[in-house]
Amino acid sequence: MPSPHASIDSQDLVRILRRLPGRNRDVVRSMSIEGYSARDIAERLGMSEVGVRVALHRSLKALADTYQEKGL
């Protein structure tokens, strides 16, 4: 099992993000990596700000679960 403090390189990040459906991947990348606000993302994707935050939370949870299960 990987250390909880292990870093993720860019290839790992791409592989992990591919596990998400398109819109969820876009939300995670836009907010967590590129630093856009929930408002910016909501406007671009035609979602509510709450919807963006919910999608982000669920996506990050799914990624964390997958990461722990598979040892990525």
C-alpha atoms as a PDB file:
ATOM      1  CA  MET A   1       0.000   0.000   0.000  1.00  0.00           C
ATOM      2  CA  PRO A   2       1.417   3.404  -0.950  1.00  0.00           C
ATOM      3  CA  SER A   3       2.318   5.901   1.695  1.00  0.00           C
ATOM      4  CA  PRO A   4      -0.440   8.442   2.353  1.00  0.00           C
ATOM      5  CA  HIS A   5       2.232  11.099   1.831  1.00  0.00           C
ATOM      6  CA  ALA A   6       3.416   9.775  -1.546  1.00  0.00           C
ATOM      7  CA  SER A   7       3.366  12.316  -4.327  1.00  0.00           C
ATOM      8  CA  ILE A   8       1.505  11.777  -7.584  1.00  0.00           C
ATOM      9  CA  ASP A   9       3.355  12.562 -10.800  1.00  0.00           C
ATOM     10  CA  SER A  10       1.654  13.980 -13.891  1.00  0.00           C
ATOM     11  CA  GLN A  11       1.297  10.569 -15.572  1.00  0.00           C
ATOM     12  CA  ASP A  12      -0.439   9.173 -12.493  1.00  0.00           C
ATOM     13  CA  LEU A  13      -2.695  12.213 -12.393  1.00  0.00           C
ATOM     14  CA  VAL A  14      -3.752  11.762 -16.023  1.00  0.00           C
ATOM     15  CA  ARG A  15      -4.409   8.050 -15.471  1.00  0.00           C
ATOM     16  CA  ILE A  16      -6.445   8.696 -12.335  1.00  0.00           C
ATOM     17  CA  LEU A  17      -8.516  11.476 -13.910  1.00  0.00           C
ATOM     18  CA  ARG A  18      -9.382   9.234 -16.856  1.00  0.00           C
ATOM     19  CA  ARG A  19     -11.465   7.153 -14.457  1.00  0.00           C
ATOM     20  CA  LEU A  20     -13.977   9.979 -14.136  1.00  0.00           C
ATOM     21  CA  PRO A  21     -16.811  10.774 -16.552  1.00  0.00           C
ATOM     22  CA  GLY A  22     -16.107  13.826 -18.754  1.00  0.00           C
ATOM     23  CA  ARG A  23     -17.971  16.528 -16.847  1.00  0.00           C
ATOM     24  CA  ASN A  24     -16.692  15.337 -13.473  1.00  0.00           C
ATOM     25  CA  ARG A  25     -13.145  15.184 -14.841  1.00  0.00           C
ATOM     26  CA  ASP A  26     -13.541  18.757 -16.099  1.00  0.00           C
ATOM     27  CA  VAL A  27     -14.801  19.947 -12.709  1.00  0.00           C
ATOM     28  CA  VAL A  28     -11.907  18.310 -10.836  1.00  0.00           C
ATOM     29  CA  ARG A  29      -9.279  19.563 -13.276  1.00  0.00           C
ATOM     30  CA  SER A  30     -10.733  23.088 -13.437  1.00  0.00           C
ATOM     31  CA  MET A  31     -11.149  23.596  -9.709  1.00  0.00           C
ATOM     32  CA  SER A  32      -8.468  21.468  -8.064  1.00  0.00           C
ATOM     33  CA  ILE A  33      -5.671  21.810 -10.593  1.00  0.00           C
ATOM     34  CA  GLU A  34      -6.305  25.003 -12.558  1.00  0.00           C
ATOM     35  CA  GLY A  35      -7.797  26.985  -9.663  1.00  0.00           C
ATOM     36  CA  TYR A  36     -11.051  28.176 -11.226  1.00  0.00           C
ATOM     37  CA  SER A  37     -13.912  29.085  -8.907  1.00  0.00           C
ATOM     38  CA  ALA A  38     -17.138  27.124  -8.631  1.00  0.00           C
ATOM     39  CA  ARG A  39     -18.894  30.139 -10.160  1.00  0.00           C
ATOM     40  CA  ASP A  40     -16.612  30.151 -13.224  1.00  0.00           C
ATOM     41  CA  ILE A  41     -17.049  26.423 -13.755  1.00  0.00           C
ATOM     42  CA  ALA A  42     -20.812  26.575 -13.220  1.00  0.00           C
ATOM     43  CA  GLU A  43     -21.184  29.282 -15.853  1.00  0.00           C
ATOM     44  CA  ARG A  44     -19.009  27.429 -18.356  1.00  0.00           C
ATOM     45  CA  LEU A  45     -20.727  24.053 -17.861  1.00  0.00           C
ATOM     46  CA  GLY A  46     -24.283  25.322 -17.354  1.00  0.00           C
ATOM     47  CA  MET A  47     -24.468  24.014 -13.793  1.00  0.00           C
ATOM     48  CA  SER A  48     -25.286  25.578 -10.450  1.00  0.00           C
ATOM     49  CA  GLU A  49     -22.426  26.407  -8.105  1.00  0.00           C
ATOM     50  CA  VAL A  50     -23.792  23.864  -5.640  1.00  0.00           C
ATOM     51  CA  GLY A  51     -23.859  21.264  -8.436  1.00  0.00           C
ATOM     52  CA  VAL A  52     -20.206  21.962  -9.195  1.00  0.00           C
ATOM     53  CA  ARG A  53     -19.240  21.561  -5.539  1.00  0.00           C
ATOM     54  CA  VAL A  54     -21.244  18.341  -5.227  1.00  0.00           C
ATOM     55  CA  ALA A  55     -19.647  16.956  -8.409  1.00  0.00           C
ATOM     56  CA  LEU A  56     -16.197  17.888  -7.100  1.00  0.00           C
ATOM     57  CA  HIS A  57     -16.809  16.265  -3.717  1.00  0.00           C
ATOM     58  CA  ARG A  58     -18.213  13.055  -5.196  1.00  0.00           C
ATOM     59  CA  SER A  59     -15.456  12.831  -7.789  1.00  0.00           C
ATOM     60  CA  LEU A  60     -12.670  13.329  -5.269  1.00  0.00           C
ATOM     61  CA  LYS A  61     -14.249  10.727  -2.993  1.00  0.00           C
ATOM     62  CA  ALA A  62     -14.481   8.235  -5.878  1.00  0.00           C
ATOM     63  CA  LEU A  63     -10.862   8.907  -6.836  1.00  0.00           C
ATOM     64  CA  ALA A  64      -9.681   8.493  -3.250  1.00  0.00           C
ATOM     65  CA  ASP A  65     -11.579   5.216  -2.916  1.00  0.00           C
ATOM     66  CA  THR A  66     -10.134   3.929  -6.184  1.00  0.00           C
ATOM     67  CA  TYR A  67      -6.636   5.052  -5.235  1.00  0.00           C
ATOM     68  CA  GLN A  68      -6.817   3.218  -1.901  1.00  0.00           C
ATOM     69  CA  GLU A  69      -8.382   0.057  -3.328  1.00  0.00           C
ATOM     70  CA  LYS A  70      -6.053  -0.336  -6.281  1.00  0.00           C
ATOM     71  CA  GLY A  71      -2.937   1.130  -4.752  1.00  0.00           C
ATOM     72  CA  LEU A  72      -2.434   3.520  -7.652  1.00  0.00           C
END
